[in-house]
Amino acid sequence: MKRMFRYASDQSLFLDLAPDATDLHALFHIPGVVNIHPAYASILLVFDPLRTSHDEVQRAAAAIQPPQSKAPRPLHQIPIHYDGPDLDSLARLHNLSPGRVIELHAAANYTVAFLGFVPGFAYLHGLPAALATPRLPSPRKVVPAGSLGIAGDQTGIYPIATPGGWQLIGHTTIELFNPHNVPMSLLQPGDRVKFIPA
């Protein structure tokens, strides 16, 4: 698999490749790499310029073999109480009943694209086009942990209480992030997710 690299700064390098197409754990073992930031179709490798260089990081990353396992990624079935404060307004926006929004959302199969925003926040790909909805005009100061939201063509669950502007349609009591667990996040890039109405 061909990998494209681009300079991002004096201490970072873009790897143009979806996170689930490489071994993210192996990237952390490249000497001098201090952090990685996965996105939908790229990974930002941040390194210590006093310990290594763009060329050395690029050579090491290019040598990492893609995952060989063909086994399906874990499937997480997450119970959801579809009782979010934005469920009714989102339904009206799309000329749907709240019940139909729930049906569409729960019927879809989702894949974790990457983690970001806050620790353990999984951006889930697979939202039905009929439910794509812009973020709120102004973010809430606090979104409770476990809140299920929609923003654009993505859905996701807030793993911790934090400000946020996603349209909230439900919540779960499942713990998604715990710094004492290994791994700390329940959901990992490439994992599959199915929401079960509770």
C-alpha atoms as a PDB file:
ATOM      1  CA  MET A   1       0.000   0.000   0.000  1.00  0.00           C
ATOM      2  CA  LYS A   2       1.517   3.305  -1.102  1.00  0.00           C
ATOM      3  CA  ARG A   3       1.859   5.894   1.626  1.00  0.00           C
ATOM      4  CA  MET A   4       2.112   9.616   0.918  1.00  0.00           C
ATOM      5  CA  PHE A   5       3.900  11.950   3.318  1.00  0.00           C
ATOM      6  CA  ARG A   6       3.718  15.740   3.626  1.00  0.00           C
ATOM      7  CA  TYR A   7       5.566  18.167   5.867  1.00  0.00           C
ATOM      8  CA  ALA A   8       3.173  19.738   8.370  1.00  0.00           C
ATOM      9  CA  SER A   9       5.607  21.784  10.481  1.00  0.00           C
ATOM     10  CA  ASP A  10       9.201  21.732  11.689  1.00  0.00           C
ATOM     11  CA  GLN A  11       8.252  18.917  14.058  1.00  0.00           C
ATOM     12  CA  SER A  12       5.383  17.076  12.397  1.00  0.00           C
ATOM     13  CA  LEU A  13       4.596  15.034   9.329  1.00  0.00           C
ATOM     14  CA  PHE A  14       1.299  14.096   7.640  1.00  0.00           C
ATOM     15  CA  LEU A  15       0.775  10.482   6.641  1.00  0.00           C
ATOM     16  CA  ASP A  16      -2.012  10.439   4.027  1.00  0.00           C
ATOM     17  CA  LEU A  17      -3.606   7.155   4.984  1.00  0.00           C
ATOM     18  CA  ALA A  18      -6.728   6.147   6.896  1.00  0.00           C
ATOM     19  CA  PRO A  19      -5.894   5.197  10.509  1.00  0.00           C
ATOM     20  CA  ASP A  20      -7.348   1.691  10.159  1.00  0.00           C
ATOM     21  CA  ALA A  21      -4.913   0.986   7.274  1.00  0.00           C
ATOM     22  CA  THR A  22      -1.820   1.123   9.465  1.00  0.00           C
ATOM     23  CA  ASP A  23      -0.641  -0.057  12.871  1.00  0.00           C
ATOM     24  CA  LEU A  24      -1.200   3.002  15.069  1.00  0.00           C
ATOM     25  CA  HIS A  25       0.515   1.344  18.037  1.00  0.00           C
ATOM     26  CA  ALA A  26       3.657   0.785  15.954  1.00  0.00           C
ATOM     27  CA  LEU A  27       3.811   4.485  15.047  1.00  0.00           C
ATOM     28  CA  PHE A  28       4.324   5.334  18.723  1.00  0.00           C
ATOM     29  CA  HIS A  29       7.454   3.162  18.724  1.00  0.00           C
ATOM     30  CA  ILE A  30       9.217   5.238  16.084  1.00  0.00           C
ATOM     31  CA  PRO A  31      12.134   6.869  17.923  1.00  0.00           C
ATOM     32  CA  GLY A  32      11.372  10.506  18.628  1.00  0.00           C
ATOM     33  CA  VAL A  33       7.620  10.358  17.892  1.00  0.00           C
ATOM     34  CA  VAL A  34       5.816  11.975  20.835  1.00  0.00           C
ATOM     35  CA  ASN A  35       2.209  11.985  19.618  1.00  0.00           C
ATOM     36  CA  ILE A  36      -0.070  10.905  16.792  1.00  0.00           C
ATOM     37  CA  HIS A  37      -3.340  12.511  15.701  1.00  0.00           C
ATOM     38  CA  PRO A  38      -5.527  10.290  13.479  1.00  0.00           C
ATOM     39  CA  ALA A  39      -8.201  11.831  11.220  1.00  0.00           C
ATOM     40  CA  TYR A  40     -10.470  10.382   8.520  1.00  0.00           C
ATOM     41  CA  ALA A  41      -7.817   9.982   5.835  1.00  0.00           C
ATOM     42  CA  SER A  42      -4.554  11.034   7.453  1.00  0.00           C
ATOM     43  CA  ILE A  43      -2.405  10.754  10.536  1.00  0.00           C
ATOM     44  CA  LEU A  44      -0.332  13.612  11.944  1.00  0.00           C
ATOM     45  CA  LEU A  45       2.944  12.372  13.423  1.00  0.00           C
ATOM     46  CA  VAL A  46       4.457  14.788  15.947  1.00  0.00           C
ATOM     47  CA  PHE A  47       8.109  14.239  16.814  1.00  0.00           C
ATOM     48  CA  ASP A  48      10.883  15.754  18.885  1.00  0.00           C
ATOM     49  CA  PRO A  49      13.130  17.580  16.378  1.00  0.00           C
ATOM     50  CA  LEU A  50      16.064  17.291  18.797  1.00  0.00           C
ATOM     51  CA  ARG A  51      15.875  13.493  18.592  1.00  0.00           C
ATOM     52  CA  THR A  52      14.896  12.803  14.987  1.00  0.00           C
ATOM     53  CA  SER A  53      14.030  14.369  11.626  1.00  0.00           C
ATOM     54  CA  HIS A  54      11.297  14.359   8.987  1.00  0.00           C
ATOM     55  CA  ASP A  55      13.282  11.930   6.850  1.00  0.00           C
ATOM     56  CA  GLU A  56      13.932   9.488   9.690  1.00  0.00           C
ATOM     57  CA  VAL A  57      10.289   9.484  10.792  1.00  0.00           C
ATOM     58  CA  GLN A  58       9.132   9.042   7.207  1.00  0.00           C
ATOM     59  CA  ARG A  59      11.483   6.096   6.618  1.00  0.00           C
ATOM     60  CA  ALA A  60      10.384   4.384   9.829  1.00  0.00           C
ATOM     61  CA  ALA A  61       6.661   4.951   9.169  1.00  0.00           C
ATOM     62  CA  ALA A  62       6.966   3.719   5.587  1.00  0.00           C
ATOM     63  CA  ALA A  63       8.557   0.490   6.828  1.00  0.00           C
ATOM     64  CA  ILE A  64       5.631  -0.384   9.111  1.00  0.00           C
ATOM     65  CA  GLN A  65       3.545  -3.129   7.564  1.00  0.00           C
ATOM     66  CA  PRO A  66      -0.236  -2.672   7.338  1.00  0.00           C
ATOM     67  CA  PRO A  67      -2.303  -4.873   9.648  1.00  0.00           C
ATOM     68  CA  GLN A  68      -2.404  -8.426   8.307  1.00  0.00           C
ATOM     69  CA  SER A  69      -5.437  -9.653  10.188  1.00  0.00           C
ATOM     70  CA  LYS A  70      -8.549 -10.082   8.081  1.00  0.00           C
ATOM     71  CA  ALA A  71     -10.705 -10.811  11.125  1.00  0.00           C
ATOM     72  CA  PRO A  72     -13.602  -8.391  11.541  1.00  0.00           C
ATOM     73  CA  ARG A  73     -13.094  -5.611  14.025  1.00  0.00           C
ATOM     74  CA  PRO A  74     -14.974  -5.846  17.343  1.00  0.00           C
ATOM     75  CA  LEU A  75     -18.693  -5.063  17.259  1.00  0.00           C
ATOM     76  CA  HIS A  76     -19.926  -2.950  20.182  1.00  0.00           C
ATOM     77  CA  GLN A  77     -23.654  -3.035  20.848  1.00  0.00           C
ATOM     78  CA  ILE A  78     -24.399   0.100  22.826  1.00  0.00           C
ATOM     79  CA  PRO A  79     -27.782   0.594  24.522  1.00  0.00           C
ATOM     80  CA  ILE A  80     -29.200   4.059  23.900  1.00  0.00           C
ATOM     81  CA  HIS A  81     -32.035   5.923  25.562  1.00  0.00           C
ATOM     82  CA  TYR A  82     -33.284   8.117  22.720  1.00  0.00           C
ATOM     83  CA  ASP A  83     -34.355  11.005  24.930  1.00  0.00           C
ATOM     84  CA  GLY A  84     -31.996  13.813  23.919  1.00  0.00           C
ATOM     85  CA  PRO A  85     -33.032  17.485  24.129  1.00  0.00           C
ATOM     86  CA  ASP A  86     -32.605  17.995  20.368  1.00  0.00           C
ATOM     87  CA  LEU A  87     -34.469  14.893  19.185  1.00  0.00           C
ATOM     88  CA  ASP A  88     -37.776  16.654  18.495  1.00  0.00           C
ATOM     89  CA  SER A  89     -36.277  19.700  16.767  1.00  0.00           C
ATOM     90  CA  LEU A  90     -33.999  17.510  14.656  1.00  0.00           C
ATOM     91  CA  ALA A  91     -37.011  15.426  13.625  1.00  0.00           C
ATOM     92  CA  ARG A  92     -38.956  18.555  12.637  1.00  0.00           C
ATOM     93  CA  LEU A  93     -35.991  19.841  10.627  1.00  0.00           C
ATOM     94  CA  HIS A  94     -36.079  16.681   8.495  1.00  0.00           C
ATOM     95  CA  ASN A  95     -39.896  16.359   8.393  1.00  0.00           C
ATOM     96  CA  LEU A  96     -39.678  13.105  10.303  1.00  0.00           C
ATOM     97  CA  SER A  97     -41.284  11.862  13.476  1.00  0.00           C
ATOM     98  CA  PRO A  98     -38.988  11.348  16.468  1.00  0.00           C
ATOM     99  CA  GLY A  99     -39.758   7.651  16.197  1.00  0.00           C
ATOM    100  CA  ARG A 100     -38.562   7.572  12.597  1.00  0.00           C
ATOM    101  CA  VAL A 101     -35.332   9.365  13.558  1.00  0.00           C
ATOM    102  CA  ILE A 102     -34.736   6.665  16.165  1.00  0.00           C
ATOM    103  CA  GLU A 103     -35.474   3.895  13.656  1.00  0.00           C
ATOM    104  CA  LEU A 104     -33.072   5.306  11.081  1.00  0.00           C
ATOM    105  CA  HIS A 105     -30.322   6.001  13.566  1.00  0.00           C
ATOM    106  CA  ALA A 106     -30.530   2.607  15.275  1.00  0.00           C
ATOM    107  CA  ALA A 107     -30.791   0.669  11.978  1.00  0.00           C
ATOM    108  CA  ALA A 108     -27.438   1.948  10.664  1.00  0.00           C
ATOM    109  CA  ASN A 109     -24.104   0.186  11.021  1.00  0.00           C
ATOM    110  CA  TYR A 110     -21.315   2.481  12.206  1.00  0.00           C
ATOM    111  CA  THR A 111     -17.531   2.360  12.050  1.00  0.00           C
ATOM    112  CA  VAL A 112     -15.135   4.266  14.301  1.00  0.00           C
ATOM    113  CA  ALA A 113     -13.246   6.565  11.932  1.00  0.00           C
ATOM    114  CA  PHE A 114     -10.919   8.036  14.563  1.00  0.00           C
ATOM    115  CA  LEU A 115     -10.758   9.356  18.115  1.00  0.00           C
ATOM    116  CA  GLY A 116     -10.436  13.028  18.895  1.00  0.00           C
ATOM    117  CA  PHE A 117     -11.846  16.257  20.349  1.00  0.00           C
ATOM    118  CA  VAL A 118     -11.600  14.849  23.891  1.00  0.00           C
ATOM    119  CA  PRO A 119     -10.112  11.534  25.084  1.00  0.00           C
ATOM    120  CA  GLY A 120     -12.281   8.634  23.966  1.00  0.00           C
ATOM    121  CA  PHE A 121     -14.573  10.624  21.659  1.00  0.00           C
ATOM    122  CA  ALA A 122     -15.165   8.334  18.667  1.00  0.00           C
ATOM    123  CA  TYR A 123     -16.213   9.903  15.367  1.00  0.00           C
ATOM    124  CA  LEU A 124     -18.608   7.363  13.854  1.00  0.00           C
ATOM    125  CA  HIS A 125     -19.069   6.996  10.112  1.00  0.00           C
ATOM    126  CA  GLY A 126     -22.291   5.520   8.713  1.00  0.00           C
ATOM    127  CA  LEU A 127     -25.006   8.017   9.672  1.00  0.00           C
ATOM    128  CA  PRO A 128     -27.951   7.813   7.245  1.00  0.00           C
ATOM    129  CA  ALA A 129     -27.958  10.814   4.890  1.00  0.00           C
ATOM    130  CA  ALA A 130     -31.519  11.612   5.959  1.00  0.00           C
ATOM    131  CA  LEU A 131     -30.241  12.465   9.459  1.00  0.00           C
ATOM    132  CA  ALA A 132     -27.278  14.675   8.526  1.00  0.00           C
ATOM    133  CA  THR A 133     -27.717  17.849  10.596  1.00  0.00           C
ATOM    134  CA  PRO A 134     -25.539  20.914  11.251  1.00  0.00           C
ATOM    135  CA  ARG A 135     -24.086  21.582  14.679  1.00  0.00           C
ATOM    136  CA  LEU A 136     -25.965  23.879  17.018  1.00  0.00           C
ATOM    137  CA  PRO A 137     -25.477  27.615  16.292  1.00  0.00           C
ATOM    138  CA  SER A 138     -23.947  27.980  19.777  1.00  0.00           C
ATOM    139  CA  PRO A 139     -22.359  25.133  21.716  1.00  0.00           C
ATOM    140  CA  ARG A 140     -23.651  24.112  25.111  1.00  0.00           C
ATOM    141  CA  LYS A 141     -21.385  24.937  28.035  1.00  0.00           C
ATOM    142  CA  VAL A 142     -21.724  21.395  29.373  1.00  0.00           C
ATOM    143  CA  VAL A 143     -22.792  18.212  27.611  1.00  0.00           C
ATOM    144  CA  PRO A 144     -23.209  15.295  30.042  1.00  0.00           C
ATOM    145  CA  ALA A 145     -21.044  12.203  29.649  1.00  0.00           C
ATOM    146  CA  GLY A 146     -22.795   9.523  27.607  1.00  0.00           C
ATOM    147  CA  SER A 147     -24.738  11.983  25.439  1.00  0.00           C
ATOM    148  CA  LEU A 148     -25.315  10.785  21.869  1.00  0.00           C
ATOM    149  CA  GLY A 149     -25.137  13.474  19.210  1.00  0.00           C
ATOM    150  CA  ILE A 150     -25.223  14.226  15.505  1.00  0.00           C
ATOM    151  CA  ALA A 151     -23.079  16.805  13.701  1.00  0.00           C
ATOM    152  CA  GLY A 152     -22.988  16.958   9.924  1.00  0.00           C
ATOM    153  CA  ASP A 153     -22.801  13.407   8.587  1.00  0.00           C
ATOM    154  CA  GLN A 154     -21.306  12.012  11.812  1.00  0.00           C
ATOM    155  CA  THR A 155     -22.629  10.640  15.058  1.00  0.00           C
ATOM    156  CA  GLY A 156     -20.821  10.124  18.328  1.00  0.00           C
ATOM    157  CA  ILE A 157     -21.069   9.796  22.099  1.00  0.00           C
ATOM    158  CA  TYR A 158     -19.482  12.256  24.509  1.00  0.00           C
ATOM    159  CA  PRO A 159     -17.307  10.080  26.793  1.00  0.00           C
ATOM    160  CA  ILE A 160     -16.910  12.782  29.442  1.00  0.00           C
ATOM    161  CA  ALA A 161     -18.779  15.947  30.407  1.00  0.00           C
ATOM    162  CA  THR A 162     -17.513  18.760  28.180  1.00  0.00           C
ATOM    163  CA  PRO A 163     -18.727  21.751  26.177  1.00  0.00           C
ATOM    164  CA  GLY A 164     -20.102  20.715  22.796  1.00  0.00           C
ATOM    165  CA  GLY A 165     -22.282  21.749  19.904  1.00  0.00           C
ATOM    166  CA  TRP A 166     -23.617  18.465  18.540  1.00  0.00           C
ATOM    167  CA  GLN A 167     -27.374  17.870  18.279  1.00  0.00           C
ATOM    168  CA  LEU A 168     -28.184  15.579  21.220  1.00  0.00           C
ATOM    169  CA  ILE A 169     -30.664  12.795  20.528  1.00  0.00           C
ATOM    170  CA  GLY A 170     -30.039  10.345  23.378  1.00  0.00           C
ATOM    171  CA  HIS A 171     -27.670   8.968  25.961  1.00  0.00           C
ATOM    172  CA  THR A 172     -26.026   5.780  27.187  1.00  0.00           C
ATOM    173  CA  THR A 173     -24.818   4.690  30.607  1.00  0.00           C
ATOM    174  CA  ILE A 174     -21.936   2.662  29.110  1.00  0.00           C
ATOM    175  CA  GLU A 175     -18.485   3.882  30.197  1.00  0.00           C
ATOM    176  CA  LEU A 176     -16.581   4.841  27.057  1.00  0.00           C
ATOM    177  CA  PHE A 177     -13.377   6.201  28.563  1.00  0.00           C
ATOM    178  CA  ASN A 178     -11.439   5.337  31.703  1.00  0.00           C
ATOM    179  CA  PRO A 179      -7.769   6.342  32.094  1.00  0.00           C
ATOM    180  CA  HIS A 180      -7.204   3.263  34.289  1.00  0.00           C
ATOM    181  CA  ASN A 181      -8.295   0.812  31.574  1.00  0.00           C
ATOM    182  CA  VAL A 182      -6.111  -0.690  28.840  1.00  0.00           C
ATOM    183  CA  PRO A 183      -6.948   0.585  26.321  1.00  0.00           C
ATOM    184  CA  MET A 184      -8.391   3.691  27.934  1.00  0.00           C
ATOM    185  CA  SER A 185     -11.080   4.066  25.257  1.00  0.00           C
ATOM    186  CA  LEU A 186     -13.706   1.356  24.740  1.00  0.00           C
ATOM    187  CA  LEU A 187     -13.994   2.250  21.037  1.00  0.00           C
ATOM    188  CA  GLN A 188     -10.937   2.037  18.784  1.00  0.00           C
ATOM    189  CA  PRO A 189     -10.433   3.092  15.133  1.00  0.00           C
ATOM    190  CA  GLY A 190     -11.956   0.504  12.825  1.00  0.00           C
ATOM    191  CA  ASP A 191     -14.311  -0.929  15.480  1.00  0.00           C
ATOM    192  CA  ARG A 192     -17.942  -1.451  14.520  1.00  0.00           C
ATOM    193  CA  VAL A 193     -20.840   0.012  16.507  1.00  0.00           C
ATOM    194  CA  LYS A 194     -24.519  -0.825  16.654  1.00  0.00           C
ATOM    195  CA  PHE A 195     -26.940   1.228  18.740  1.00  0.00           C
ATOM    196  CA  ILE A 196     -29.690  -0.661  20.557  1.00  0.00           C
ATOM    197  CA  PRO A 197     -32.729   1.389  21.659  1.00  0.00           C
ATOM    198  CA  ALA A 198     -33.111   0.904  25.412  1.00  0.00           C
END
